[in-house]
């Protein structure tokens, strides 16, 4: 399963990328509003850093507006994925953009029917929001993920499942076991994935024993 970072902050994205933790980025208007003073400049920086999918969301609410914004965004860089919400105008716009070989990520997916509509629109990614559903009803986000995975498997659907709205590290493990193709993860969770107290304890012992042995590496 691939890992993307869910952020619009170029510093966070650069740190995660240099650590070798991510292969893509997802942004949204809320993340941009939180971290950016000059969004076009930040997007330019992100696209220079990342040589993988970078989802950038439209903000228009009409079919025509989404198509126009999506087309313009796609011209920024070959790695841009146009992010469009799962609303009726969005599915129409996604189908139009996909027909012109523009990569689309259908976001704010909360039902299997929405995921099926996204697949029929020919999009590259669909993004079920696990955390928001889990907050309403325990594990309901994971149940949706299972349904999408099963339905897509039934019909050999090529749209990739991008698990979003990750609230804790355990969500990533569950999504991986269910079979999500990708998880997009906030920076603070992403950088903590490698940590475990037993790893640190074991490493400390290895190094203490090594220093006391008088040995050296054959290099």
N, C-alpha and C. Protein backbone atom coordinates (compact mmCIF):
# COMPACT_ATOMS: atom_id res chain seq x y z
N UNK A 1 0.84 -1.19 0.00
CA UNK A 1 0.00 0.00 0.00
C UNK A 1 0.88 1.25 0.00
N UNK A 2 0.58 2.17 -0.91
CA UNK A 2 1.32 3.42 -0.97
C UNK A 2 0.85 4.38 0.13
N UNK A 3 1.76 5.28 0.49
CA UNK A 3 1.44 6.34 1.45
C UNK A 3 1.59 7.69 0.78
N UNK A 4 0.56 8.53 0.90
CA UNK A 4 0.60 9.92 0.49
C UNK A 4 0.56 10.77 1.76
N UNK A 5 0.99 12.02 1.63
CA UNK A 5 0.83 12.95 2.73
C UNK A 5 -0.36 13.86 2.45
N UNK A 6 -1.17 14.07 3.47
CA UNK A 6 -2.34 14.93 3.37
C UNK A 6 -1.96 16.29 3.95
N UNK A 7 -1.50 17.18 3.09
CA UNK A 7 -0.96 18.45 3.55
C UNK A 7 -0.84 19.41 2.37
N UNK A 8 -0.91 20.71 2.68
CA UNK A 8 -0.62 21.75 1.69
C UNK A 8 0.60 22.57 2.09
N UNK A 9 1.33 22.08 3.08
CA UNK A 9 2.50 22.79 3.62
C UNK A 9 3.76 22.27 2.94
N UNK A 10 4.43 23.08 2.11
CA UNK A 10 5.62 22.60 1.40
C UNK A 10 6.72 22.09 2.32
N UNK A 11 6.83 22.67 3.52
CA UNK A 11 7.89 22.24 4.45
C UNK A 11 7.60 20.83 4.94
N UNK A 12 6.35 20.58 5.37
CA UNK A 12 5.98 19.23 5.79
C UNK A 12 6.19 18.24 4.66
N UNK A 13 5.78 18.60 3.49
CA UNK A 13 5.86 17.70 2.34
C UNK A 13 7.31 17.40 1.99
N UNK A 14 8.15 18.42 2.02
CA UNK A 14 9.57 18.20 1.72
C UNK A 14 10.21 17.29 2.76
N UNK A 15 9.91 17.51 4.04
CA UNK A 15 10.48 16.66 5.09
C UNK A 15 10.07 15.21 4.91
N UNK A 16 8.79 14.98 4.64
CA UNK A 16 8.30 13.61 4.47
C UNK A 16 8.91 12.96 3.24
N UNK A 17 9.05 13.73 2.17
CA UNK A 17 9.58 13.18 0.92
C UNK A 17 11.06 12.82 1.07
N UNK A 18 11.82 13.69 1.75
CA UNK A 18 13.25 13.42 1.93
C UNK A 18 13.49 12.21 2.81
N UNK A 19 12.58 11.93 3.70
CA UNK A 19 12.68 10.73 4.54
C UNK A 19 12.29 9.47 3.79
N UNK A 20 11.79 9.65 2.57
CA UNK A 20 11.40 8.50 1.77
C UNK A 20 10.08 7.88 2.19
N UNK A 21 9.21 8.67 2.83
CA UNK A 21 7.99 8.13 3.40
C UNK A 21 6.80 8.17 2.46
N UNK A 22 6.83 9.03 1.44
CA UNK A 22 5.62 9.24 0.65
C UNK A 22 5.90 9.12 -0.85
N UNK A 23 4.83 8.82 -1.58
CA UNK A 23 4.94 8.78 -3.04
C UNK A 23 3.92 9.68 -3.71
N UNK A 24 3.20 10.50 -2.91
CA UNK A 24 2.23 11.41 -3.46
C UNK A 24 1.71 12.35 -2.40
N UNK A 25 0.85 13.30 -2.83
CA UNK A 25 0.33 14.34 -1.95
C UNK A 25 -1.15 14.54 -2.24
N UNK A 26 -1.92 14.78 -1.18
CA UNK A 26 -3.29 15.26 -1.35
C UNK A 26 -3.42 16.58 -0.60
N UNK A 27 -4.05 17.54 -1.26
CA UNK A 27 -4.34 18.82 -0.64
C UNK A 27 -5.85 19.03 -0.68
N UNK A 28 -6.32 20.01 0.07
CA UNK A 28 -7.73 20.41 -0.03
C UNK A 28 -7.84 21.87 0.39
N UNK A 29 -8.97 22.52 0.15
CA UNK A 29 -9.09 23.94 0.49
C UNK A 29 -8.87 24.25 1.97
N UNK A 30 -9.30 23.36 2.86
CA UNK A 30 -9.11 23.60 4.29
C UNK A 30 -7.64 23.57 4.66
N UNK A 31 -6.90 22.60 4.13
CA UNK A 31 -5.46 22.52 4.40
C UNK A 31 -4.74 23.74 3.85
N UNK A 32 -5.16 24.18 2.66
CA UNK A 32 -4.54 25.36 2.07
C UNK A 32 -4.80 26.59 2.93
N UNK A 33 -6.04 26.76 3.39
CA UNK A 33 -6.39 27.91 4.21
C UNK A 33 -5.61 27.92 5.52
N UNK A 34 -5.31 26.72 6.02
CA UNK A 34 -4.60 26.59 7.30
C UNK A 34 -3.13 26.95 7.19
N UNK A 35 -2.49 26.58 6.08
CA UNK A 35 -1.03 26.65 6.03
C UNK A 35 -0.46 27.63 5.01
N UNK A 36 -1.28 28.12 4.09
CA UNK A 36 -0.72 28.86 2.96
C UNK A 36 -1.07 30.34 3.00
N UNK A 37 -0.08 31.16 2.65
CA UNK A 37 -0.29 32.58 2.42
C UNK A 37 -0.34 32.88 0.92
N UNK A 38 0.32 32.03 0.14
CA UNK A 38 0.37 32.20 -1.32
C UNK A 38 0.23 30.81 -1.94
N UNK A 39 -1.01 30.40 -2.15
CA UNK A 39 -1.27 29.01 -2.56
C UNK A 39 -0.65 28.67 -3.92
N UNK A 40 -0.78 29.52 -4.95
CA UNK A 40 -0.13 29.18 -6.22
C UNK A 40 1.37 28.96 -6.08
N UNK A 41 2.02 29.79 -5.26
CA UNK A 41 3.47 29.63 -5.05
C UNK A 41 3.77 28.33 -4.32
N UNK A 42 2.95 28.00 -3.32
CA UNK A 42 3.16 26.76 -2.58
C UNK A 42 2.95 25.54 -3.47
N UNK A 43 1.92 25.58 -4.32
CA UNK A 43 1.68 24.47 -5.24
C UNK A 43 2.86 24.30 -6.19
N UNK A 44 3.40 25.41 -6.64
CA UNK A 44 4.58 25.35 -7.52
C UNK A 44 5.74 24.65 -6.81
N UNK A 45 5.96 24.98 -5.54
CA UNK A 45 7.03 24.34 -4.76
C UNK A 45 6.76 22.84 -4.62
N UNK A 46 5.52 22.50 -4.29
CA UNK A 46 5.17 21.09 -4.09
C UNK A 46 5.38 20.29 -5.37
N UNK A 47 4.99 20.85 -6.49
CA UNK A 47 5.14 20.14 -7.77
C UNK A 47 6.60 19.99 -8.17
N UNK A 48 7.46 20.90 -7.70
CA UNK A 48 8.90 20.73 -7.94
C UNK A 48 9.48 19.62 -7.08
N UNK A 49 8.92 19.45 -5.89
CA UNK A 49 9.44 18.46 -4.94
C UNK A 49 9.02 17.04 -5.27
N UNK A 50 7.76 16.87 -5.64
CA UNK A 50 7.16 15.54 -5.72
C UNK A 50 7.06 15.07 -7.16
N UNK A 51 7.59 13.88 -7.41
CA UNK A 51 7.48 13.28 -8.74
C UNK A 51 6.48 12.13 -8.69
N UNK A 52 5.31 12.45 -8.18
CA UNK A 52 4.21 11.50 -8.07
C UNK A 52 2.92 12.28 -8.02
N UNK A 53 1.78 11.61 -7.85
CA UNK A 53 0.49 12.28 -7.89
C UNK A 53 0.35 13.37 -6.83
N UNK A 54 -0.12 14.53 -7.25
CA UNK A 54 -0.42 15.64 -6.34
C UNK A 54 -1.86 16.07 -6.60
N UNK A 55 -2.74 15.76 -5.67
CA UNK A 55 -4.15 16.10 -5.82
C UNK A 55 -4.40 17.55 -5.42
N UNK A 56 -4.99 18.32 -6.34
CA UNK A 56 -5.34 19.71 -6.09
C UNK A 56 -6.83 19.86 -6.35
N UNK A 57 -7.55 20.41 -5.38
CA UNK A 57 -9.01 20.41 -5.45
C UNK A 57 -9.57 21.66 -6.13
N UNK A 58 -10.59 21.45 -6.94
CA UNK A 58 -11.34 22.57 -7.50
C UNK A 58 -12.21 23.19 -6.40
N UNK A 59 -12.60 24.45 -6.60
CA UNK A 59 -13.48 25.11 -5.64
C UNK A 59 -14.76 25.60 -6.30
N UNK A 60 -14.89 25.41 -7.59
CA UNK A 60 -16.13 25.76 -8.27
C UNK A 60 -17.25 24.82 -7.83
N UNK A 61 -18.49 25.27 -7.96
CA UNK A 61 -19.63 24.44 -7.55
C UNK A 61 -20.51 24.05 -8.73
N UNK A 62 -20.15 24.47 -9.94
CA UNK A 62 -20.91 24.10 -11.13
C UNK A 62 -20.10 23.17 -12.00
N UNK A 63 -20.79 22.44 -12.85
CA UNK A 63 -20.13 21.54 -13.80
C UNK A 63 -19.13 22.31 -14.66
N UNK A 64 -19.57 23.41 -15.23
CA UNK A 64 -18.71 24.19 -16.11
C UNK A 64 -17.49 24.73 -15.37
N UNK A 65 -17.72 25.20 -14.14
CA UNK A 65 -16.61 25.73 -13.35
C UNK A 65 -15.60 24.66 -12.98
N UNK A 66 -16.09 23.49 -12.59
CA UNK A 66 -15.18 22.39 -12.24
C UNK A 66 -14.36 21.95 -13.44
N UNK A 67 -14.99 21.86 -14.60
CA UNK A 67 -14.26 21.46 -15.80
C UNK A 67 -13.20 22.50 -16.15
N UNK A 68 -13.57 23.77 -16.06
CA UNK A 68 -12.61 24.83 -16.39
C UNK A 68 -11.44 24.84 -15.41
N UNK A 69 -11.73 24.77 -14.11
CA UNK A 69 -10.66 24.76 -13.12
C UNK A 69 -9.81 23.50 -13.24
N UNK A 70 -10.47 22.36 -13.42
CA UNK A 70 -9.73 21.10 -13.54
C UNK A 70 -8.81 21.08 -14.74
N UNK A 71 -9.29 21.61 -15.85
CA UNK A 71 -8.46 21.67 -17.06
C UNK A 71 -7.25 22.56 -16.83
N UNK A 72 -7.47 23.71 -16.20
CA UNK A 72 -6.37 24.63 -15.93
C UNK A 72 -5.36 24.01 -14.96
N UNK A 73 -5.85 23.36 -13.92
CA UNK A 73 -4.94 22.72 -12.96
C UNK A 73 -4.11 21.62 -13.62
N UNK A 74 -4.73 20.86 -14.49
CA UNK A 74 -4.02 19.75 -15.14
C UNK A 74 -2.86 20.24 -15.98
N UNK A 75 -2.93 21.48 -16.42
CA UNK A 75 -1.87 22.03 -17.28
C UNK A 75 -0.65 22.49 -16.48
N UNK A 76 -0.77 22.53 -15.17
CA UNK A 76 0.35 22.98 -14.33
C UNK A 76 1.52 22.01 -14.40
N UNK A 77 1.20 20.72 -14.42
CA UNK A 77 2.24 19.69 -14.30
C UNK A 77 1.61 18.33 -14.60
N UNK A 78 2.39 17.44 -15.16
CA UNK A 78 1.86 16.12 -15.52
C UNK A 78 1.47 15.29 -14.29
N UNK A 79 1.95 15.68 -13.11
CA UNK A 79 1.65 14.93 -11.89
C UNK A 79 0.37 15.40 -11.19
N UNK A 80 -0.23 16.47 -11.67
CA UNK A 80 -1.44 16.98 -11.03
C UNK A 80 -2.60 16.00 -11.22
N UNK A 81 -3.30 15.75 -10.11
CA UNK A 81 -4.56 15.01 -10.12
C UNK A 81 -5.64 15.99 -9.67
N UNK A 82 -6.66 16.16 -10.48
CA UNK A 82 -7.72 17.12 -10.16
C UNK A 82 -8.67 16.48 -9.16
N UNK A 83 -8.85 17.16 -8.04
CA UNK A 83 -9.69 16.63 -6.96
C UNK A 83 -11.07 17.28 -7.04
N UNK A 84 -12.10 16.44 -7.08
CA UNK A 84 -13.47 16.91 -7.27
C UNK A 84 -14.38 16.20 -6.27
N UNK A 85 -15.30 16.93 -5.62
CA UNK A 85 -16.18 16.30 -4.62
C UNK A 85 -17.24 15.41 -5.26
N UNK A 86 -17.70 14.45 -4.45
CA UNK A 86 -18.72 13.50 -4.90
C UNK A 86 -20.11 14.12 -4.84
N UNK A 87 -20.36 15.06 -5.73
CA UNK A 87 -21.68 15.67 -5.91
C UNK A 87 -22.07 15.47 -7.37
N UNK A 88 -23.34 15.68 -7.69
CA UNK A 88 -23.81 15.36 -9.05
C UNK A 88 -23.01 16.11 -10.11
N UNK A 89 -22.79 17.41 -9.92
CA UNK A 89 -22.01 18.17 -10.87
C UNK A 89 -20.57 17.65 -10.93
N UNK A 90 -20.09 17.18 -9.79
CA UNK A 90 -18.73 16.66 -9.73
C UNK A 90 -18.54 15.40 -10.55
N UNK A 91 -19.51 14.49 -10.49
CA UNK A 91 -19.40 13.27 -11.28
C UNK A 91 -19.44 13.59 -12.77
N UNK A 92 -20.29 14.54 -13.16
CA UNK A 92 -20.35 14.96 -14.56
C UNK A 92 -19.02 15.55 -15.00
N UNK A 93 -18.46 16.43 -14.17
CA UNK A 93 -17.18 17.06 -14.50
C UNK A 93 -16.06 16.03 -14.54
N UNK A 94 -16.09 15.08 -13.60
CA UNK A 94 -15.06 14.04 -13.57
C UNK A 94 -15.08 13.20 -14.83
N UNK A 95 -16.27 12.86 -15.29
CA UNK A 95 -16.38 12.07 -16.51
C UNK A 95 -15.82 12.83 -17.72
N UNK A 96 -16.14 14.13 -17.76
CA UNK A 96 -15.64 14.97 -18.85
C UNK A 96 -14.13 15.06 -18.82
N UNK A 97 -13.58 15.34 -17.66
CA UNK A 97 -12.13 15.47 -17.54
C UNK A 97 -11.43 14.15 -17.83
N UNK A 98 -11.98 13.05 -17.29
CA UNK A 98 -11.38 11.73 -17.52
C UNK A 98 -11.38 11.37 -18.99
N UNK A 99 -12.42 11.79 -19.71
CA UNK A 99 -12.50 11.50 -21.14
C UNK A 99 -11.41 12.21 -21.93
N UNK A 100 -10.83 13.25 -21.32
CA UNK A 100 -9.71 13.97 -21.94
C UNK A 100 -8.38 13.56 -21.30
N UNK A 101 -8.37 12.38 -20.67
CA UNK A 101 -7.15 11.82 -20.07
C UNK A 101 -6.57 12.71 -18.97
N UNK A 102 -7.44 13.41 -18.25
CA UNK A 102 -7.02 14.18 -17.08
C UNK A 102 -7.32 13.35 -15.84
N UNK A 103 -6.29 13.13 -15.01
CA UNK A 103 -6.44 12.30 -13.82
C UNK A 103 -7.32 13.01 -12.80
N UNK A 104 -8.26 12.26 -12.21
CA UNK A 104 -9.22 12.82 -11.26
C UNK A 104 -9.24 11.99 -9.98
N UNK A 105 -9.38 12.69 -8.86
CA UNK A 105 -9.56 12.06 -7.55
C UNK A 105 -10.92 12.52 -7.03
N UNK A 106 -11.89 11.60 -6.92
CA UNK A 106 -13.20 11.94 -6.37
C UNK A 106 -13.11 11.90 -4.85
N UNK A 107 -13.33 13.05 -4.22
CA UNK A 107 -13.15 13.17 -2.78
C UNK A 107 -14.48 13.28 -2.05
N UNK A 108 -14.42 13.23 -0.72
CA UNK A 108 -15.61 13.28 0.13
C UNK A 108 -16.59 12.15 -0.22
N UNK A 109 -16.03 10.96 -0.34
CA UNK A 109 -16.85 9.78 -0.63
C UNK A 109 -17.29 9.14 0.69
N UNK A 110 -18.62 8.98 0.84
CA UNK A 110 -19.17 8.44 2.08
C UNK A 110 -20.10 7.25 1.86
N UNK A 111 -20.30 6.83 0.60
CA UNK A 111 -21.16 5.68 0.33
C UNK A 111 -20.57 4.84 -0.79
N UNK A 112 -20.98 3.58 -0.82
CA UNK A 112 -20.57 2.71 -1.92
C UNK A 112 -21.12 3.23 -3.24
N UNK A 113 -22.35 3.73 -3.24
CA UNK A 113 -22.92 4.25 -4.48
C UNK A 113 -22.08 5.38 -5.06
N UNK A 114 -21.58 6.26 -4.19
CA UNK A 114 -20.70 7.32 -4.68
C UNK A 114 -19.43 6.73 -5.29
N UNK A 115 -18.88 5.71 -4.66
CA UNK A 115 -17.68 5.07 -5.18
C UNK A 115 -17.94 4.41 -6.53
N UNK A 116 -19.13 3.83 -6.69
CA UNK A 116 -19.48 3.22 -7.97
C UNK A 116 -19.66 4.28 -9.06
N UNK A 117 -20.27 5.41 -8.70
CA UNK A 117 -20.40 6.51 -9.66
C UNK A 117 -19.03 7.03 -10.08
N UNK A 118 -18.12 7.14 -9.12
CA UNK A 118 -16.77 7.60 -9.42
C UNK A 118 -16.08 6.65 -10.40
N UNK A 119 -16.23 5.35 -10.16
CA UNK A 119 -15.62 4.38 -11.05
C UNK A 119 -16.21 4.47 -12.46
N UNK A 120 -17.53 4.66 -12.53
CA UNK A 120 -18.17 4.78 -13.83
C UNK A 120 -17.79 6.07 -14.55
N UNK A 121 -17.35 7.06 -13.80
CA UNK A 121 -16.86 8.30 -14.41
C UNK A 121 -15.44 8.13 -14.93
N UNK A 122 -14.81 7.00 -14.61
CA UNK A 122 -13.48 6.71 -15.13
C UNK A 122 -12.34 7.39 -14.40
N UNK A 123 -12.54 7.70 -13.10
CA UNK A 123 -11.51 8.45 -12.38
C UNK A 123 -10.35 7.55 -11.94
N UNK A 124 -9.24 8.19 -11.65
CA UNK A 124 -8.05 7.46 -11.20
C UNK A 124 -8.18 7.02 -9.75
N UNK A 125 -8.66 7.94 -8.87
CA UNK A 125 -8.76 7.67 -7.44
C UNK A 125 -10.17 7.97 -6.94
N UNK A 126 -10.60 7.22 -5.92
CA UNK A 126 -11.76 7.60 -5.12
C UNK A 126 -11.31 7.63 -3.67
N UNK A 127 -11.76 8.66 -2.93
CA UNK A 127 -11.26 8.88 -1.57
C UNK A 127 -12.38 8.76 -0.53
N UNK A 128 -12.60 7.56 0.02
CA UNK A 128 -13.53 7.43 1.14
C UNK A 128 -12.93 8.06 2.39
N UNK A 129 -13.77 8.81 3.11
CA UNK A 129 -13.32 9.52 4.30
C UNK A 129 -13.60 8.67 5.54
N UNK A 130 -12.62 7.88 5.92
CA UNK A 130 -12.81 6.90 6.99
C UNK A 130 -13.06 7.56 8.34
N UNK A 131 -12.22 8.51 8.71
CA UNK A 131 -12.29 9.08 10.04
C UNK A 131 -13.60 9.78 10.32
N UNK A 132 -14.10 10.52 9.34
CA UNK A 132 -15.35 11.26 9.57
C UNK A 132 -16.52 10.30 9.80
N UNK A 133 -16.53 9.18 9.07
CA UNK A 133 -17.58 8.18 9.29
C UNK A 133 -17.40 7.47 10.63
N UNK A 134 -16.16 7.13 10.96
CA UNK A 134 -15.90 6.45 12.23
C UNK A 134 -16.31 7.30 13.42
N UNK A 135 -16.22 8.62 13.28
CA UNK A 135 -16.61 9.51 14.37
C UNK A 135 -18.12 9.52 14.57
N UNK A 136 -18.86 9.25 13.52
CA UNK A 136 -20.32 9.21 13.61
C UNK A 136 -20.79 7.86 14.17
N UNK A 137 -20.20 6.81 13.64
CA UNK A 137 -20.53 5.45 14.10
C UNK A 137 -19.28 4.60 14.05
N UNK A 138 -18.96 3.95 15.14
CA UNK A 138 -17.72 3.20 15.29
C UNK A 138 -17.50 2.23 14.13
N UNK A 139 -16.35 2.34 13.50
CA UNK A 139 -15.89 1.45 12.43
C UNK A 139 -16.71 1.55 11.14
N UNK A 140 -17.63 2.52 11.04
CA UNK A 140 -18.43 2.60 9.82
C UNK A 140 -17.58 3.01 8.62
N UNK A 141 -16.51 3.77 8.85
CA UNK A 141 -15.61 4.10 7.76
C UNK A 141 -14.91 2.87 7.20
N UNK A 142 -14.50 1.99 8.11
CA UNK A 142 -13.85 0.75 7.66
C UNK A 142 -14.83 -0.17 6.96
N UNK A 143 -16.08 -0.17 7.41
CA UNK A 143 -17.09 -0.98 6.74
C UNK A 143 -17.32 -0.48 5.31
N UNK A 144 -17.32 0.84 5.14
CA UNK A 144 -17.44 1.38 3.78
C UNK A 144 -16.25 0.96 2.92
N UNK A 145 -15.06 1.02 3.49
CA UNK A 145 -13.87 0.62 2.75
C UNK A 145 -13.96 -0.83 2.31
N UNK A 146 -14.46 -1.70 3.18
CA UNK A 146 -14.63 -3.11 2.82
C UNK A 146 -15.61 -3.26 1.66
N UNK A 147 -16.72 -2.51 1.70
CA UNK A 147 -17.71 -2.60 0.64
C UNK A 147 -17.14 -2.16 -0.70
N UNK A 148 -16.41 -1.05 -0.69
CA UNK A 148 -15.82 -0.56 -1.94
C UNK A 148 -14.82 -1.56 -2.48
N UNK A 149 -13.99 -2.10 -1.59
CA UNK A 149 -12.98 -3.07 -2.02
C UNK A 149 -13.65 -4.30 -2.64
N UNK A 150 -14.71 -4.80 -2.00
CA UNK A 150 -15.40 -5.97 -2.51
C UNK A 150 -16.06 -5.69 -3.86
N UNK A 151 -16.76 -4.56 -3.95
CA UNK A 151 -17.45 -4.23 -5.20
C UNK A 151 -16.46 -4.01 -6.34
N UNK A 152 -15.39 -3.31 -6.07
CA UNK A 152 -14.39 -3.09 -7.11
C UNK A 152 -13.75 -4.41 -7.55
N UNK A 153 -13.53 -5.30 -6.59
CA UNK A 153 -12.97 -6.61 -6.93
C UNK A 153 -13.95 -7.43 -7.75
N UNK A 154 -15.24 -7.34 -7.43
CA UNK A 154 -16.26 -8.09 -8.16
C UNK A 154 -16.23 -7.79 -9.65
N UNK A 155 -15.96 -6.54 -9.99
CA UNK A 155 -16.05 -6.11 -11.38
C UNK A 155 -14.72 -5.68 -11.98
N UNK A 156 -13.66 -6.01 -11.27
CA UNK A 156 -12.31 -5.70 -11.75
C UNK A 156 -12.17 -4.21 -12.10
N UNK A 157 -12.70 -3.37 -11.25
CA UNK A 157 -12.65 -1.92 -11.45
C UNK A 157 -11.24 -1.42 -11.18
N UNK A 158 -10.76 -0.56 -12.06
CA UNK A 158 -9.37 -0.10 -12.00
C UNK A 158 -9.18 1.15 -11.14
N UNK A 159 -10.27 1.85 -10.82
CA UNK A 159 -10.15 3.03 -9.95
C UNK A 159 -9.49 2.63 -8.63
N UNK A 160 -8.49 3.40 -8.21
CA UNK A 160 -7.75 3.06 -7.00
C UNK A 160 -8.44 3.67 -5.77
N UNK A 161 -8.43 2.90 -4.69
CA UNK A 161 -9.06 3.33 -3.44
C UNK A 161 -8.02 4.05 -2.58
N UNK A 162 -8.28 5.33 -2.34
CA UNK A 162 -7.36 6.18 -1.59
C UNK A 162 -8.02 6.50 -0.24
N UNK A 163 -7.63 5.78 0.78
CA UNK A 163 -8.22 5.95 2.11
C UNK A 163 -7.79 7.29 2.70
N UNK A 164 -8.79 8.12 3.05
CA UNK A 164 -8.53 9.47 3.54
C UNK A 164 -9.15 9.67 4.91
N UNK A 165 -8.95 10.86 5.46
CA UNK A 165 -9.46 11.21 6.79
C UNK A 165 -8.93 10.21 7.83
N UNK A 166 -7.61 10.08 7.84
CA UNK A 166 -6.92 9.18 8.78
C UNK A 166 -6.72 9.92 10.10
N UNK A 167 -7.16 9.30 11.18
CA UNK A 167 -7.11 9.96 12.50
C UNK A 167 -6.00 9.44 13.40
N UNK A 168 -5.54 8.21 13.16
CA UNK A 168 -4.50 7.63 14.01
C UNK A 168 -3.77 6.54 13.22
N UNK A 169 -2.61 6.16 13.73
CA UNK A 169 -1.77 5.19 13.02
C UNK A 169 -2.49 3.86 12.80
N UNK A 170 -3.32 3.47 13.77
CA UNK A 170 -4.03 2.19 13.64
C UNK A 170 -4.98 2.19 12.45
N UNK A 171 -5.47 3.37 12.04
CA UNK A 171 -6.34 3.45 10.87
C UNK A 171 -5.61 2.98 9.61
N UNK A 172 -4.32 3.27 9.54
CA UNK A 172 -3.53 2.88 8.38
C UNK A 172 -3.40 1.36 8.32
N UNK A 173 -3.15 0.75 9.46
CA UNK A 173 -3.04 -0.71 9.52
C UNK A 173 -4.34 -1.36 9.07
N UNK A 174 -5.46 -0.84 9.57
CA UNK A 174 -6.76 -1.42 9.21
C UNK A 174 -7.04 -1.25 7.72
N UNK A 175 -6.75 -0.08 7.20
CA UNK A 175 -6.96 0.17 5.77
C UNK A 175 -6.10 -0.75 4.92
N UNK A 176 -4.87 -1.01 5.36
CA UNK A 176 -3.98 -1.91 4.62
C UNK A 176 -4.51 -3.34 4.62
N UNK A 177 -5.02 -3.79 5.76
CA UNK A 177 -5.55 -5.15 5.85
C UNK A 177 -6.82 -5.32 5.01
N UNK A 178 -7.61 -4.25 4.91
CA UNK A 178 -8.82 -4.32 4.09
C UNK A 178 -8.46 -4.33 2.61
N UNK A 179 -7.38 -3.62 2.26
CA UNK A 179 -6.93 -3.64 0.87
C UNK A 179 -6.96 -2.31 0.15
N UNK A 180 -6.94 -1.19 0.90
CA UNK A 180 -6.84 0.11 0.24
C UNK A 180 -5.55 0.17 -0.58
N UNK A 181 -5.62 0.81 -1.72
CA UNK A 181 -4.43 0.95 -2.56
C UNK A 181 -3.47 1.98 -1.98
N UNK A 182 -4.03 3.02 -1.36
CA UNK A 182 -3.25 4.15 -0.86
C UNK A 182 -3.89 4.65 0.42
N UNK A 183 -3.08 5.17 1.33
CA UNK A 183 -3.57 5.95 2.47
C UNK A 183 -2.92 7.32 2.39
N UNK A 184 -3.72 8.36 2.57
CA UNK A 184 -3.15 9.69 2.67
C UNK A 184 -3.21 10.11 4.13
N UNK A 185 -2.07 10.56 4.65
CA UNK A 185 -1.87 10.63 6.10
C UNK A 185 -1.36 12.01 6.51
N UNK A 186 -1.91 12.60 7.56
CA UNK A 186 -1.37 13.86 8.08
C UNK A 186 0.08 13.71 8.51
N UNK A 187 0.80 14.81 8.44
CA UNK A 187 2.24 14.79 8.71
C UNK A 187 2.56 14.26 10.10
N UNK A 188 1.83 14.72 11.11
CA UNK A 188 2.17 14.33 12.49
C UNK A 188 2.01 12.84 12.71
N UNK A 189 1.08 12.21 12.01
CA UNK A 189 0.92 10.76 12.12
C UNK A 189 1.99 10.05 11.30
N UNK A 190 2.25 10.58 10.13
CA UNK A 190 3.20 9.96 9.20
C UNK A 190 4.59 9.81 9.82
N UNK A 191 5.08 10.87 10.45
CA UNK A 191 6.45 10.83 10.98
C UNK A 191 6.56 9.96 12.22
N UNK A 192 5.42 9.60 12.82
CA UNK A 192 5.47 8.75 14.00
C UNK A 192 5.33 7.27 13.71
N UNK A 193 5.13 6.91 12.44
CA UNK A 193 4.84 5.52 12.11
C UNK A 193 6.00 4.57 12.42
N UNK A 194 7.23 5.08 12.36
CA UNK A 194 8.38 4.20 12.55
C UNK A 194 8.70 3.96 14.02
N UNK A 195 8.08 4.73 14.92
CA UNK A 195 8.46 4.66 16.33
C UNK A 195 7.78 3.52 17.07
N UNK A 196 8.57 2.81 17.88
CA UNK A 196 8.04 1.82 18.83
C UNK A 196 9.03 1.69 19.98
N UNK A 197 8.57 1.66 21.21
CA UNK A 197 9.50 1.62 22.35
C UNK A 197 10.40 0.39 22.34
N UNK A 198 9.91 -0.73 21.87
CA UNK A 198 10.75 -1.93 21.84
C UNK A 198 11.85 -1.84 20.78
N UNK A 199 11.57 -1.11 19.70
CA UNK A 199 12.62 -0.88 18.70
C UNK A 199 13.74 -0.07 19.31
N UNK A 200 13.39 1.00 20.01
CA UNK A 200 14.41 1.84 20.65
C UNK A 200 15.17 1.07 21.72
N UNK A 201 14.44 0.29 22.51
CA UNK A 201 15.08 -0.50 23.57
C UNK A 201 16.04 -1.51 22.98
N UNK A 202 15.61 -2.18 21.92
CA UNK A 202 16.47 -3.17 21.27
C UNK A 202 17.70 -2.55 20.66
N UNK A 203 17.54 -1.40 20.00
CA UNK A 203 18.67 -0.72 19.39
C UNK A 203 19.67 -0.26 20.44
N UNK A 204 19.17 0.28 21.55
CA UNK A 204 20.06 0.71 22.62
C UNK A 204 20.90 -0.45 23.13
N UNK A 205 20.28 -1.63 23.25
CA UNK A 205 21.02 -2.79 23.74
C UNK A 205 22.06 -3.24 22.72
N UNK A 206 21.67 -3.28 21.44
CA UNK A 206 22.62 -3.65 20.38
C UNK A 206 23.85 -2.77 20.43
N UNK A 207 23.64 -1.45 20.53
CA UNK A 207 24.76 -0.51 20.49
C UNK A 207 25.61 -0.59 21.74
N UNK A 208 24.96 -0.82 22.90
CA UNK A 208 25.73 -0.99 24.14
C UNK A 208 26.61 -2.23 24.06
N UNK A 209 26.04 -3.33 23.60
CA UNK A 209 26.82 -4.57 23.46
C UNK A 209 27.95 -4.40 22.45
N UNK A 210 27.66 -3.68 21.37
CA UNK A 210 28.68 -3.49 20.33
C UNK A 210 29.86 -2.67 20.86
N UNK A 211 29.55 -1.59 21.57
CA UNK A 211 30.62 -0.73 22.10
C UNK A 211 31.50 -1.49 23.10
N UNK A 212 30.87 -2.42 23.82
CA UNK A 212 31.64 -3.17 24.81
C UNK A 212 32.42 -4.33 24.22
N UNK A 213 32.19 -4.65 22.96
CA UNK A 213 32.81 -5.83 22.36
C UNK A 213 34.21 -5.56 21.82
N UNK A 214 34.52 -4.33 21.49
CA UNK A 214 35.81 -4.01 20.89
C UNK A 214 35.87 -4.37 19.41
N UNK A 215 34.77 -4.76 18.82
CA UNK A 215 34.76 -5.13 17.41
C UNK A 215 34.61 -3.91 16.51
N UNK A 216 34.84 -4.14 15.19
CA UNK A 216 34.67 -3.07 14.22
C UNK A 216 34.03 -3.67 12.97
N UNK A 217 33.35 -2.83 12.22
CA UNK A 217 32.73 -3.28 10.97
C UNK A 217 33.79 -3.52 9.89
N UNK A 218 33.55 -4.47 8.98
CA UNK A 218 34.52 -4.76 7.93
C UNK A 218 34.43 -3.77 6.76
N UNK A 219 34.55 -2.48 7.09
CA UNK A 219 34.49 -1.45 6.03
C UNK A 219 35.61 -0.44 6.25
